[in-house]
């Protein structure tokens, strides 16, 4: 059975802390790892805003995405709306707050899909939610840059993944989850 022997903080910022963790694996071996602990661990939400109608071939299905600058990779990219859940907010409130701030819509129907974990060296989980049936409802958000909202045909979004035009790992995971869970039934 694994046991954490000690944890030392190496660096700390407003949003995360880097820790040095010493683990005893219970088999006579120990190892030291670096771990990233986020301030909002386990409280991330990623939203799939999907507008779908009746065509079986999904030709009338669209995904709302945002284009913005991703500082970690120093370029613009397409992502699904996301954010963190603040204290006292329900999942539904968080989803609609992020939708209103980022794509200026309010979802009348929100479905919890799945909770995924971060890579093993990071804390936290992200909850994927499907949002549908929208009302226009813009709210001033906390974004630093102007966000470009794109309404993209769903089938085009799948092609954009294979053509490396969408590269954000959580966005790809959510879109492929939708493809395998909603559209194959």
N, C-alpha and C. Protein backbone atom coordinates (compact mmCIF):
# COMPACT_ATOMS: atom_id res chain seq x y z
N UNK A 1 0.83 -1.18 0.00
CA UNK A 1 0.00 0.00 0.00
C UNK A 1 0.87 1.24 0.00
N UNK A 2 0.59 2.16 -0.92
CA UNK A 2 1.37 3.39 -1.01
C UNK A 2 1.13 4.28 0.19
N UNK A 3 2.20 4.98 0.61
CA UNK A 3 2.09 5.88 1.74
C UNK A 3 2.96 7.10 1.47
N UNK A 4 2.37 8.28 1.63
CA UNK A 4 3.14 9.51 1.45
C UNK A 4 3.94 9.74 2.73
N UNK A 5 5.26 9.83 2.58
CA UNK A 5 6.15 10.02 3.73
C UNK A 5 6.26 11.49 4.12
N UNK A 6 6.40 12.36 3.13
CA UNK A 6 6.46 13.79 3.42
C UNK A 6 6.17 14.59 2.16
N UNK A 7 5.77 15.83 2.38
CA UNK A 7 5.47 16.77 1.30
C UNK A 7 6.16 18.08 1.62
N UNK A 8 6.86 18.63 0.64
CA UNK A 8 7.53 19.92 0.81
C UNK A 8 7.08 20.84 -0.31
N UNK A 9 6.69 22.07 0.03
CA UNK A 9 6.29 23.06 -0.98
C UNK A 9 7.53 23.67 -1.60
N UNK A 10 7.62 23.58 -2.93
CA UNK A 10 8.76 24.15 -3.65
C UNK A 10 8.49 25.57 -4.14
N UNK A 11 7.24 25.82 -4.55
CA UNK A 11 6.86 27.15 -5.04
C UNK A 11 5.35 27.30 -4.89
N UNK A 12 4.91 28.55 -4.73
CA UNK A 12 3.48 28.79 -4.56
C UNK A 12 3.10 30.09 -5.25
N UNK A 13 1.96 30.05 -5.97
CA UNK A 13 1.43 31.24 -6.64
C UNK A 13 -0.02 31.44 -6.18
N UNK A 14 -0.71 32.40 -6.79
CA UNK A 14 -2.13 32.63 -6.47
C UNK A 14 -2.98 31.42 -6.87
N UNK A 15 -2.58 30.72 -7.92
CA UNK A 15 -3.44 29.68 -8.48
C UNK A 15 -2.99 28.26 -8.19
N UNK A 16 -1.71 28.04 -7.94
CA UNK A 16 -1.25 26.67 -7.69
C UNK A 16 0.01 26.64 -6.84
N UNK A 17 0.33 25.42 -6.42
CA UNK A 17 1.50 25.18 -5.58
C UNK A 17 2.23 23.96 -6.17
N UNK A 18 3.55 24.03 -6.24
CA UNK A 18 4.36 22.88 -6.68
C UNK A 18 4.95 22.24 -5.44
N UNK A 19 4.74 20.94 -5.32
CA UNK A 19 5.19 20.20 -4.13
C UNK A 19 6.15 19.08 -4.52
N UNK A 20 7.03 18.78 -3.60
CA UNK A 20 7.94 17.63 -3.69
C UNK A 20 7.34 16.58 -2.76
N UNK A 21 7.01 15.41 -3.30
CA UNK A 21 6.32 14.38 -2.52
C UNK A 21 7.18 13.12 -2.49
N UNK A 22 7.41 12.58 -1.31
CA UNK A 22 8.17 11.33 -1.12
C UNK A 22 7.17 10.22 -0.81
N UNK A 23 7.17 9.17 -1.64
CA UNK A 23 6.19 8.09 -1.48
C UNK A 23 6.90 6.77 -1.23
N UNK A 24 6.38 6.02 -0.25
CA UNK A 24 6.79 4.64 0.03
C UNK A 24 5.75 3.75 -0.65
N UNK A 25 6.20 2.90 -1.59
CA UNK A 25 5.28 2.06 -2.34
C UNK A 25 4.92 0.76 -1.65
N UNK A 26 5.45 0.54 -0.46
CA UNK A 26 5.09 -0.65 0.30
C UNK A 26 5.78 -1.92 -0.17
N UNK A 27 6.68 -1.80 -1.13
CA UNK A 27 7.41 -2.96 -1.65
C UNK A 27 8.91 -2.80 -1.44
N UNK A 28 9.27 -1.92 -0.51
CA UNK A 28 10.67 -1.66 -0.24
C UNK A 28 11.26 -0.54 -1.08
N UNK A 29 10.46 0.04 -1.95
CA UNK A 29 10.94 1.11 -2.81
C UNK A 29 10.23 2.42 -2.48
N UNK A 30 11.00 3.51 -2.55
CA UNK A 30 10.44 4.85 -2.40
C UNK A 30 10.84 5.67 -3.61
N UNK A 31 10.10 6.74 -3.84
CA UNK A 31 10.44 7.63 -4.96
C UNK A 31 9.92 9.02 -4.64
N UNK A 32 10.58 10.03 -5.20
CA UNK A 32 10.18 11.42 -5.02
C UNK A 32 9.57 11.92 -6.33
N UNK A 33 8.44 12.62 -6.21
CA UNK A 33 7.73 13.18 -7.36
C UNK A 33 7.48 14.66 -7.12
N UNK A 34 7.33 15.39 -8.22
CA UNK A 34 6.83 16.76 -8.14
C UNK A 34 5.35 16.70 -8.46
N UNK A 35 4.57 17.47 -7.71
CA UNK A 35 3.12 17.47 -7.87
C UNK A 35 2.63 18.91 -7.93
N UNK A 36 1.63 19.15 -8.80
CA UNK A 36 1.01 20.46 -8.91
C UNK A 36 -0.35 20.39 -8.22
N UNK A 37 -0.55 21.25 -7.23
CA UNK A 37 -1.83 21.34 -6.52
C UNK A 37 -2.49 22.65 -6.90
N UNK A 38 -3.68 22.56 -7.52
CA UNK A 38 -4.40 23.76 -7.91
C UNK A 38 -5.27 24.27 -6.77
N UNK A 39 -5.49 25.57 -6.74
CA UNK A 39 -6.33 26.18 -5.71
C UNK A 39 -7.75 25.61 -5.77
N UNK A 40 -8.26 25.36 -6.99
CA UNK A 40 -9.64 24.91 -7.15
C UNK A 40 -9.70 23.43 -7.51
N UNK A 41 -8.85 22.61 -6.92
CA UNK A 41 -8.81 21.19 -7.25
C UNK A 41 -10.18 20.55 -7.15
N UNK A 42 -10.51 19.78 -8.17
CA UNK A 42 -11.76 19.04 -8.15
C UNK A 42 -12.98 19.87 -8.45
N UNK A 43 -12.80 21.10 -8.89
CA UNK A 43 -13.94 21.99 -9.07
C UNK A 43 -13.96 22.61 -10.45
N UNK A 44 -13.32 22.01 -11.42
CA UNK A 44 -13.33 22.51 -12.79
C UNK A 44 -14.54 21.97 -13.52
N UNK A 45 -15.06 22.77 -14.44
CA UNK A 45 -16.19 22.33 -15.26
C UNK A 45 -15.88 22.71 -16.71
N UNK A 46 -16.14 21.78 -17.62
CA UNK A 46 -15.98 22.01 -19.05
C UNK A 46 -17.34 21.76 -19.69
N UNK A 47 -17.76 22.69 -20.53
CA UNK A 47 -19.13 22.67 -21.05
C UNK A 47 -19.13 22.41 -22.55
N UNK A 48 -19.98 21.49 -22.99
CA UNK A 48 -20.18 21.23 -24.41
C UNK A 48 -21.50 21.88 -24.79
N UNK A 49 -21.48 23.11 -25.32
CA UNK A 49 -22.72 23.78 -25.74
C UNK A 49 -23.11 23.25 -27.12
N UNK A 50 -24.13 22.44 -27.15
CA UNK A 50 -24.51 21.72 -28.37
C UNK A 50 -25.91 22.13 -28.80
N UNK A 51 -26.00 22.54 -30.04
CA UNK A 51 -27.30 22.87 -30.63
C UNK A 51 -27.60 21.76 -31.63
N UNK A 52 -28.58 20.93 -31.30
CA UNK A 52 -28.89 19.82 -32.21
C UNK A 52 -30.38 19.74 -32.44
N UNK A 53 -30.70 19.24 -33.60
CA UNK A 53 -32.10 19.20 -33.97
C UNK A 53 -32.51 17.77 -34.32
N UNK A 54 -32.91 17.49 -35.53
CA UNK A 54 -33.54 16.21 -35.81
C UNK A 54 -32.82 15.34 -36.83
N UNK A 55 -31.86 15.86 -37.56
CA UNK A 55 -31.24 15.08 -38.62
C UNK A 55 -30.36 13.97 -38.05
N UNK A 56 -30.59 12.75 -38.51
CA UNK A 56 -29.79 11.62 -38.02
C UNK A 56 -28.33 11.74 -38.39
N UNK A 57 -28.05 12.38 -39.52
CA UNK A 57 -26.65 12.50 -39.95
C UNK A 57 -25.89 13.61 -39.23
N UNK A 58 -26.53 14.28 -38.28
CA UNK A 58 -25.96 15.36 -37.46
C UNK A 58 -25.59 16.60 -38.27
N UNK A 59 -26.12 16.72 -39.48
CA UNK A 59 -25.81 17.88 -40.32
C UNK A 59 -26.39 19.17 -39.77
N UNK A 60 -27.34 19.07 -38.86
CA UNK A 60 -27.92 20.28 -38.26
C UNK A 60 -27.51 20.43 -36.79
N UNK A 61 -26.36 19.85 -36.42
CA UNK A 61 -25.84 19.93 -35.06
C UNK A 61 -24.62 20.85 -35.05
N UNK A 62 -24.60 21.76 -34.07
CA UNK A 62 -23.52 22.74 -33.97
C UNK A 62 -22.95 22.76 -32.56
N UNK A 63 -21.66 23.13 -32.47
CA UNK A 63 -20.97 23.29 -31.19
C UNK A 63 -20.51 24.74 -31.08
N UNK A 64 -20.78 25.36 -29.94
CA UNK A 64 -20.26 26.70 -29.67
C UNK A 64 -18.89 26.56 -29.02
N UNK A 65 -17.89 27.19 -29.63
CA UNK A 65 -16.53 27.13 -29.10
C UNK A 65 -16.01 28.55 -28.97
N UNK A 66 -14.94 28.69 -28.21
CA UNK A 66 -14.31 30.00 -28.07
C UNK A 66 -12.87 29.93 -28.56
N UNK A 67 -12.46 31.02 -29.17
CA UNK A 67 -11.09 31.14 -29.64
C UNK A 67 -10.41 32.18 -28.78
N UNK A 68 -9.30 31.79 -28.18
CA UNK A 68 -8.58 32.76 -27.35
C UNK A 68 -7.11 32.39 -27.29
N UNK A 69 -6.31 33.28 -26.72
CA UNK A 69 -4.87 33.07 -26.61
C UNK A 69 -4.60 32.12 -25.44
N UNK A 70 -3.83 31.06 -25.73
CA UNK A 70 -3.47 30.08 -24.70
C UNK A 70 -2.01 30.33 -24.33
N UNK A 71 -1.80 30.95 -23.18
CA UNK A 71 -0.48 31.42 -22.79
C UNK A 71 0.53 30.28 -22.65
N UNK A 72 0.10 29.10 -22.24
CA UNK A 72 1.02 27.98 -22.05
C UNK A 72 1.70 27.53 -23.33
N UNK A 73 0.99 27.65 -24.45
CA UNK A 73 1.57 27.24 -25.74
C UNK A 73 1.79 28.43 -26.67
N UNK A 74 1.49 29.63 -26.18
CA UNK A 74 1.76 30.89 -26.86
C UNK A 74 1.16 30.97 -28.26
N UNK A 75 -0.12 30.62 -28.36
CA UNK A 75 -0.85 30.76 -29.63
C UNK A 75 -2.35 30.73 -29.36
N UNK A 76 -3.11 31.10 -30.37
CA UNK A 76 -4.56 31.05 -30.26
C UNK A 76 -5.04 29.62 -30.48
N UNK A 77 -6.14 29.28 -29.86
CA UNK A 77 -6.71 27.96 -30.04
C UNK A 77 -8.20 27.96 -29.79
N UNK A 78 -8.85 26.90 -30.28
CA UNK A 78 -10.28 26.70 -30.07
C UNK A 78 -10.49 25.78 -28.89
N UNK A 79 -11.34 26.20 -27.97
CA UNK A 79 -11.64 25.39 -26.79
C UNK A 79 -13.13 25.49 -26.49
N UNK A 80 -13.60 24.55 -25.70
CA UNK A 80 -14.95 24.63 -25.17
C UNK A 80 -14.94 25.56 -23.96
N UNK A 81 -16.07 26.19 -23.64
CA UNK A 81 -16.12 27.03 -22.45
C UNK A 81 -15.81 26.22 -21.19
N UNK A 82 -15.10 26.84 -20.26
CA UNK A 82 -14.76 26.15 -19.02
C UNK A 82 -14.54 27.18 -17.92
N UNK A 83 -14.50 26.68 -16.71
CA UNK A 83 -14.24 27.54 -15.57
C UNK A 83 -14.19 26.72 -14.30
N UNK A 84 -14.14 27.39 -13.18
CA UNK A 84 -14.12 26.68 -11.89
C UNK A 84 -15.37 27.04 -11.09
N UNK A 85 -15.76 26.09 -10.28
CA UNK A 85 -16.94 26.26 -9.43
C UNK A 85 -16.56 27.02 -8.17
N UNK A 86 -17.24 28.11 -7.94
CA UNK A 86 -16.95 28.90 -6.75
C UNK A 86 -17.77 28.39 -5.57
N UNK A 87 -17.31 28.68 -4.38
CA UNK A 87 -18.01 28.25 -3.17
C UNK A 87 -19.46 28.70 -3.20
N UNK A 88 -20.37 27.79 -2.83
CA UNK A 88 -21.78 28.09 -2.74
C UNK A 88 -22.54 27.97 -4.05
N UNK A 89 -21.85 27.71 -5.15
CA UNK A 89 -22.52 27.61 -6.45
C UNK A 89 -22.79 26.14 -6.79
N UNK A 90 -23.96 25.89 -7.36
CA UNK A 90 -24.26 24.54 -7.85
C UNK A 90 -23.56 24.36 -9.20
N UNK A 91 -23.52 23.13 -9.65
CA UNK A 91 -22.94 22.84 -10.95
C UNK A 91 -23.70 23.58 -12.05
N UNK A 92 -25.02 23.57 -11.98
CA UNK A 92 -25.84 24.25 -12.99
C UNK A 92 -25.59 25.76 -13.00
N UNK A 93 -25.46 26.36 -11.82
CA UNK A 93 -25.17 27.79 -11.74
C UNK A 93 -23.81 28.11 -12.36
N UNK A 94 -22.83 27.26 -12.08
CA UNK A 94 -21.49 27.46 -12.63
C UNK A 94 -21.51 27.35 -14.14
N UNK A 95 -22.19 26.32 -14.66
CA UNK A 95 -22.27 26.14 -16.11
C UNK A 95 -22.88 27.37 -16.77
N UNK A 96 -24.00 27.83 -16.26
CA UNK A 96 -24.64 28.98 -16.88
C UNK A 96 -23.85 30.27 -16.70
N UNK A 97 -23.18 30.43 -15.59
CA UNK A 97 -22.34 31.63 -15.42
C UNK A 97 -21.24 31.64 -16.48
N UNK A 98 -20.57 30.51 -16.67
CA UNK A 98 -19.50 30.45 -17.67
C UNK A 98 -20.05 30.63 -19.08
N UNK A 99 -21.20 30.03 -19.39
CA UNK A 99 -21.80 30.20 -20.71
C UNK A 99 -22.17 31.66 -20.97
N UNK A 100 -22.76 32.31 -19.98
CA UNK A 100 -23.16 33.71 -20.14
C UNK A 100 -21.95 34.63 -20.32
N UNK A 101 -20.88 34.36 -19.59
CA UNK A 101 -19.68 35.19 -19.68
C UNK A 101 -18.91 34.93 -20.97
N UNK A 102 -18.87 33.68 -21.42
CA UNK A 102 -17.99 33.33 -22.53
C UNK A 102 -18.68 33.25 -23.89
N UNK A 103 -19.91 32.76 -23.96
CA UNK A 103 -20.58 32.68 -25.26
C UNK A 103 -21.93 33.40 -25.26
N UNK A 104 -22.25 34.08 -24.19
CA UNK A 104 -23.42 34.96 -24.07
C UNK A 104 -24.75 34.22 -24.19
N UNK A 105 -24.77 32.97 -23.74
CA UNK A 105 -25.99 32.16 -23.78
C UNK A 105 -26.30 31.58 -22.41
N UNK A 106 -27.58 31.30 -22.18
CA UNK A 106 -28.06 30.63 -20.98
C UNK A 106 -28.67 29.31 -21.42
N UNK A 107 -28.25 28.20 -20.80
CA UNK A 107 -28.75 26.87 -21.19
C UNK A 107 -29.96 26.49 -20.35
N UNK A 108 -31.03 26.10 -21.02
CA UNK A 108 -32.22 25.63 -20.30
C UNK A 108 -32.08 24.17 -19.91
N UNK A 109 -31.19 23.44 -20.58
CA UNK A 109 -31.00 22.02 -20.28
C UNK A 109 -29.52 21.74 -20.07
N UNK A 110 -29.16 21.25 -18.89
CA UNK A 110 -27.76 20.92 -18.56
C UNK A 110 -27.72 19.48 -18.08
N UNK A 111 -26.82 18.69 -18.68
CA UNK A 111 -26.69 17.28 -18.32
C UNK A 111 -25.26 17.01 -17.88
N UNK A 112 -25.08 16.48 -16.68
CA UNK A 112 -23.78 16.04 -16.21
C UNK A 112 -23.40 14.79 -16.99
N UNK A 113 -22.20 14.77 -17.58
CA UNK A 113 -21.80 13.63 -18.40
C UNK A 113 -20.81 12.71 -17.69
N UNK A 114 -19.67 13.25 -17.30
CA UNK A 114 -18.61 12.43 -16.71
C UNK A 114 -17.63 13.34 -15.98
N UNK A 115 -16.92 12.78 -15.02
CA UNK A 115 -15.86 13.51 -14.33
C UNK A 115 -14.54 12.84 -14.70
N UNK A 116 -13.59 13.62 -15.21
CA UNK A 116 -12.29 13.06 -15.58
C UNK A 116 -11.23 13.59 -14.62
N UNK A 117 -10.14 12.86 -14.51
CA UNK A 117 -9.04 13.28 -13.64
C UNK A 117 -7.98 14.00 -14.44
N UNK A 118 -7.19 14.79 -13.75
CA UNK A 118 -6.04 15.43 -14.34
C UNK A 118 -4.94 14.39 -14.48
N UNK A 119 -3.85 14.71 -15.22
CA UNK A 119 -2.71 13.78 -15.24
C UNK A 119 -2.28 13.45 -13.81
N UNK A 120 -1.67 12.32 -13.61
CA UNK A 120 -1.35 11.81 -12.28
C UNK A 120 -0.48 12.69 -11.41
N UNK A 121 0.23 13.63 -11.98
CA UNK A 121 1.09 14.52 -11.20
C UNK A 121 0.40 15.82 -10.83
N UNK A 122 -0.92 15.92 -11.15
CA UNK A 122 -1.68 17.13 -10.85
C UNK A 122 -2.90 16.77 -10.03
N UNK A 123 -3.34 17.71 -9.22
CA UNK A 123 -4.56 17.49 -8.44
C UNK A 123 -5.76 17.89 -9.28
N UNK A 124 -6.89 17.35 -8.94
CA UNK A 124 -8.11 17.87 -9.52
C UNK A 124 -8.81 16.99 -10.53
N UNK A 125 -10.05 17.36 -10.75
CA UNK A 125 -10.89 16.70 -11.73
C UNK A 125 -11.62 17.78 -12.53
N UNK A 126 -12.13 17.37 -13.67
CA UNK A 126 -12.95 18.25 -14.50
C UNK A 126 -14.25 17.53 -14.79
N UNK A 127 -15.36 18.20 -14.58
CA UNK A 127 -16.67 17.65 -14.86
C UNK A 127 -17.12 18.13 -16.23
N UNK A 128 -17.44 17.18 -17.12
CA UNK A 128 -17.97 17.52 -18.44
C UNK A 128 -19.49 17.64 -18.33
N UNK A 129 -20.03 18.72 -18.88
CA UNK A 129 -21.48 18.94 -18.89
C UNK A 129 -21.93 19.27 -20.30
N UNK A 130 -23.06 18.70 -20.68
CA UNK A 130 -23.70 19.02 -21.95
C UNK A 130 -24.71 20.13 -21.69
N UNK A 131 -24.65 21.18 -22.50
CA UNK A 131 -25.60 22.29 -22.37
C UNK A 131 -26.38 22.40 -23.68
N UNK A 132 -27.71 22.52 -23.55
CA UNK A 132 -28.57 22.59 -24.73
C UNK A 132 -29.73 23.56 -24.49
N UNK A 133 -30.43 23.91 -25.56
CA UNK A 133 -31.62 24.77 -25.54
C UNK A 133 -31.30 26.11 -24.89
N UNK A 134 -30.84 27.03 -25.71
CA UNK A 134 -30.26 28.28 -25.23
C UNK A 134 -31.18 29.49 -25.36
N UNK A 135 -30.94 30.44 -24.46
CA UNK A 135 -31.52 31.77 -24.54
C UNK A 135 -30.35 32.76 -24.58
N UNK A 136 -30.51 33.85 -25.31
CA UNK A 136 -29.48 34.88 -25.32
C UNK A 136 -29.43 35.53 -23.95
N UNK A 137 -28.23 35.62 -23.36
CA UNK A 137 -28.12 36.15 -22.00
C UNK A 137 -26.69 36.60 -21.71
N UNK A 138 -26.22 37.66 -22.38
CA UNK A 138 -24.84 38.09 -22.14
C UNK A 138 -24.63 38.68 -20.75
N UNK A 139 -23.51 38.33 -20.16
CA UNK A 139 -23.10 38.84 -18.85
C UNK A 139 -21.63 39.23 -18.96
N UNK A 140 -21.27 40.35 -18.36
CA UNK A 140 -19.87 40.78 -18.35
C UNK A 140 -19.06 39.78 -17.53
N UNK A 141 -18.04 39.21 -18.13
CA UNK A 141 -17.23 38.20 -17.45
C UNK A 141 -15.94 38.77 -16.90
N UNK A 142 -15.08 37.86 -16.47
CA UNK A 142 -13.80 38.24 -15.89
C UNK A 142 -12.65 38.00 -16.87
N UNK A 143 -12.97 37.92 -18.15
CA UNK A 143 -11.96 37.65 -19.16
C UNK A 143 -11.08 38.88 -19.38
N UNK A 144 -9.80 38.65 -19.67
CA UNK A 144 -8.86 39.74 -19.90
C UNK A 144 -8.81 40.14 -21.37
N UNK A 145 -9.24 39.24 -22.24
CA UNK A 145 -9.15 39.48 -23.67
C UNK A 145 -10.54 39.37 -24.30
N UNK A 146 -10.65 39.88 -25.50
CA UNK A 146 -11.89 39.70 -26.24
C UNK A 146 -11.95 38.26 -26.72
N UNK A 147 -13.04 37.59 -26.42
CA UNK A 147 -13.22 36.20 -26.82
C UNK A 147 -13.99 36.16 -28.13
N UNK A 148 -13.54 35.33 -29.03
CA UNK A 148 -14.23 35.12 -30.29
C UNK A 148 -15.07 33.86 -30.15
N UNK A 149 -16.38 33.99 -30.31
CA UNK A 149 -17.29 32.85 -30.22
C UNK A 149 -17.51 32.31 -31.62
N UNK A 150 -17.35 31.00 -31.76
CA UNK A 150 -17.57 30.37 -33.06
C UNK A 150 -18.61 29.27 -32.93
N UNK A 151 -19.60 29.32 -33.79
CA UNK A 151 -20.62 28.28 -33.89
C UNK A 151 -20.22 27.40 -35.08
N UNK A 152 -19.77 26.18 -34.77
CA UNK A 152 -19.16 25.32 -35.79
C UNK A 152 -20.01 24.06 -35.96
N UNK A 153 -20.26 23.66 -37.22
CA UNK A 153 -20.97 22.39 -37.43
C UNK A 153 -20.23 21.25 -36.73
N UNK A 154 -20.98 20.40 -36.07
CA UNK A 154 -20.39 19.31 -35.29
C UNK A 154 -19.47 18.44 -36.13
N UNK A 155 -19.89 18.08 -37.33
CA UNK A 155 -19.05 17.23 -38.18
C UNK A 155 -17.75 17.93 -38.57
N UNK A 156 -17.79 19.24 -38.70
CA UNK A 156 -16.58 20.01 -38.98
C UNK A 156 -15.65 19.99 -37.77
N UNK A 157 -16.21 20.05 -36.57
CA UNK A 157 -15.40 20.00 -35.35
C UNK A 157 -14.61 18.69 -35.30
N UNK A 158 -15.25 17.58 -35.64
CA UNK A 158 -14.54 16.29 -35.65
C UNK A 158 -13.39 16.30 -36.65
N UNK A 159 -13.61 16.89 -37.82
CA UNK A 159 -12.54 16.99 -38.81
C UNK A 159 -11.41 17.89 -38.29
N UNK A 160 -11.76 18.95 -37.58
CA UNK A 160 -10.76 19.86 -37.05
C UNK A 160 -9.86 19.18 -36.02
N UNK A 161 -10.37 18.19 -35.31
CA UNK A 161 -9.54 17.43 -34.38
C UNK A 161 -8.51 16.62 -35.16
N UNK A 162 -8.94 15.91 -36.18
CA UNK A 162 -8.01 15.06 -36.94
C UNK A 162 -7.02 15.90 -37.75
N UNK A 163 -7.38 17.14 -38.08
CA UNK A 163 -6.48 18.04 -38.82
C UNK A 163 -5.63 18.90 -37.89
N UNK A 164 -5.64 18.65 -36.61
CA UNK A 164 -4.84 19.36 -35.60
C UNK A 164 -5.20 20.82 -35.49
N UNK A 165 -6.44 21.16 -35.80
CA UNK A 165 -6.90 22.54 -35.66
C UNK A 165 -7.49 22.77 -34.27
N UNK A 166 -7.87 21.68 -33.61
CA UNK A 166 -8.29 21.70 -32.20
C UNK A 166 -7.31 20.79 -31.48
N UNK A 167 -6.57 21.35 -30.51
CA UNK A 167 -5.51 20.58 -29.86
C UNK A 167 -5.62 20.52 -28.34
N UNK A 168 -6.55 21.27 -27.77
CA UNK A 168 -6.71 21.27 -26.31
C UNK A 168 -7.20 19.90 -25.85
N UNK A 169 -6.49 19.28 -24.94
CA UNK A 169 -6.77 17.90 -24.56
C UNK A 169 -8.14 17.71 -23.92
N UNK A 170 -8.54 18.64 -23.05
CA UNK A 170 -9.87 18.48 -22.42
C UNK A 170 -10.98 18.69 -23.44
N UNK A 171 -10.79 19.64 -24.36
CA UNK A 171 -11.79 19.86 -25.41
C UNK A 171 -11.93 18.63 -26.28
N UNK A 172 -10.80 18.05 -26.70
CA UNK A 172 -10.85 16.84 -27.53
C UNK A 172 -11.52 15.70 -26.77
N UNK A 173 -11.16 15.51 -25.51
CA UNK A 173 -11.76 14.43 -24.72
C UNK A 173 -13.28 14.60 -24.62
N UNK A 174 -13.74 15.82 -24.40
CA UNK A 174 -15.18 16.07 -24.26
C UNK A 174 -15.90 15.83 -25.58
N UNK A 175 -15.34 16.31 -26.68
CA UNK A 175 -15.98 16.12 -27.98
C UNK A 175 -16.02 14.65 -28.38
N UNK A 176 -14.96 13.92 -28.09
CA UNK A 176 -14.96 12.49 -28.41
C UNK A 176 -15.88 11.72 -27.47
N UNK A 177 -16.01 12.18 -26.24
CA UNK A 177 -16.97 11.56 -25.32
C UNK A 177 -18.39 11.70 -25.87
N UNK A 178 -18.72 12.89 -26.35
CA UNK A 178 -20.03 13.13 -26.96
C UNK A 178 -20.21 12.20 -28.16
N UNK A 179 -19.18 12.10 -28.99
CA UNK A 179 -19.28 11.26 -30.20
C UNK A 179 -19.57 9.80 -29.84
N UNK A 180 -18.90 9.30 -28.81
CA UNK A 180 -19.08 7.88 -28.46
C UNK A 180 -20.27 7.60 -27.58
N UNK A 181 -20.71 8.59 -26.81
CA UNK A 181 -21.80 8.31 -25.89
C UNK A 181 -23.17 8.77 -26.40
N UNK A 182 -23.24 9.92 -27.04
CA UNK A 182 -24.52 10.44 -27.50
C UNK A 182 -24.91 9.99 -28.90
N UNK A 183 -23.93 9.94 -29.79
CA UNK A 183 -24.25 9.75 -31.18
C UNK A 183 -24.11 8.33 -31.68
N UNK A 184 -23.73 7.40 -30.83
CA UNK A 184 -23.62 6.01 -31.28
C UNK A 184 -24.77 5.15 -30.77
N UNK A 185 -25.65 5.74 -30.01
CA UNK A 185 -26.77 4.98 -29.44
C UNK A 185 -27.86 4.84 -30.49
